Protein backbone atom coordinates (compact mmCIF):
# COMPACT_ATOMS: atom_id res chain seq x y z
CA MET A 1 -5.43 -6.77 -10.36
CA ILE A 2 -6.25 -4.45 -7.60
CA LEU A 3 -9.57 -3.09 -6.77
CA LYS A 4 -10.56 -0.22 -5.10
CA GLU A 5 -13.51 0.65 -3.25
CA LYS A 6 -14.14 3.72 -0.38
CA GLY A 7 -10.81 4.65 0.15
CA ASN A 8 -9.80 0.96 0.82
CA THR A 9 -7.42 -1.37 -1.83
CA TYR A 10 -8.37 -4.92 -2.74
CA THR A 11 -5.69 -7.61 -4.38
CA MET A 12 -7.27 -10.16 -6.32
CA ARG A 13 -7.01 -13.58 -4.71
CA SER A 14 -5.59 -15.00 -7.40
CA ASP A 15 -2.57 -12.52 -7.55
CA LEU A 16 -1.95 -13.21 -3.69
CA ILE A 17 -1.71 -17.20 -5.19
CA TYR A 18 0.73 -16.39 -8.04
CA ASP A 19 2.98 -14.10 -5.19
CA ALA A 20 2.91 -17.10 -3.24
CA LEU A 21 3.76 -19.74 -5.83
CA GLY A 22 7.53 -17.93 -5.03
CA THR A 23 8.18 -19.11 -1.83
CA VAL A 24 6.35 -23.03 -2.32
CA GLN A 25 6.60 -24.40 -6.11
CA ASN A 26 4.30 -26.81 -5.87
CA ARG A 27 0.73 -26.07 -6.05
CA TYR A 28 -0.73 -28.90 -4.06
CA LEU A 29 1.40 -28.18 -1.59
CA LEU A 30 0.40 -24.39 -1.39
CA CYS A 31 -2.98 -25.76 -0.98
CA GLN A 32 -1.92 -27.83 2.46
CA VAL A 33 -0.17 -24.92 3.74
CA ALA A 34 -2.74 -22.69 3.33
CA SER A 35 -5.41 -24.79 3.92
CA LYS A 36 -3.69 -25.87 7.70
CA ALA A 37 -2.35 -22.24 8.14
CA THR A 38 -5.91 -20.83 6.87
CA ARG A 39 -6.98 -22.92 10.31
CA LYS A 40 -4.59 -22.16 12.15
CA PHE A 41 -4.99 -18.02 12.33
CA HIS A 42 -8.57 -17.94 11.99
CA LYS A 43 -10.74 -15.76 14.02
CA PRO A 44 -14.16 -16.32 15.17
CA ASN A 45 -16.47 -13.54 14.35
CA THR A 46 -14.16 -13.47 11.01
CA ARG A 47 -14.54 -14.04 7.52
CA VAL A 48 -12.55 -17.56 5.73
CA GLN A 49 -11.86 -14.96 3.35
CA GLU A 50 -10.03 -12.37 4.49
CA THR A 51 -8.12 -15.14 7.14
CA MET A 52 -7.12 -17.18 3.79
CA ASN A 53 -6.26 -13.58 2.24
CA ASP A 54 -3.84 -12.89 5.02
CA VAL A 55 -2.38 -16.02 5.50
CA LEU A 56 -1.42 -16.01 1.12
CA THR A 57 -0.21 -12.45 1.67
CA ARG A 58 2.14 -13.96 4.50
CA VAL A 59 3.56 -16.88 2.63
CA GLY A 60 4.25 -14.83 -0.80
CA ARG A 61 6.02 -12.26 1.21
CA ALA A 62 8.20 -15.09 3.20
CA ASN A 63 11.95 -14.59 2.70
CA ASN A 64 12.88 -17.94 3.77
CA PRO A 65 10.78 -20.92 1.82
CA ASP A 66 12.11 -22.91 4.69
CA ARG A 67 10.19 -21.17 7.29
CA VAL A 68 7.04 -21.73 5.56
CA MET A 69 7.61 -25.80 4.93
CA GLY A 70 9.69 -26.40 8.41
CA SER A 71 6.62 -27.82 10.39
CA THR A 72 5.07 -30.91 9.97
CA GLU A 73 2.95 -30.53 13.18
CA GLU A 74 -0.54 -30.60 13.31
CA ALA A 75 -1.86 -27.23 12.91
CA TYR A 76 -4.65 -27.24 15.04
CA GLU A 77 -6.61 -29.63 17.82
CA PRO A 78 -10.02 -31.12 16.77
CA GLN A 79 -12.78 -30.03 19.19
CA ARG A 80 -14.93 -32.86 20.41
CA ARG A 81 -18.63 -31.16 20.70
CA ALA A 82 -21.07 -32.68 23.20
CA ALA A 83 -23.64 -34.41 21.48
């Protein structure tokens, strides 16, 4: 389903998930990949939802599933905060 609002076109997240399942067959693994990638690509002062949609779009359009699933390194460095 495609939504249009004030000249912008939006795709429903469920459609993005179904497209991404073509690249990553396992739903649990897709959740893990999307979660790690969302944390890695998220920029401050932007909506997490937009970052997640971007990640799902990238995974869905990936030509090579091995590139998406190839790395198992830590996606982010935990930041310590002073108490």
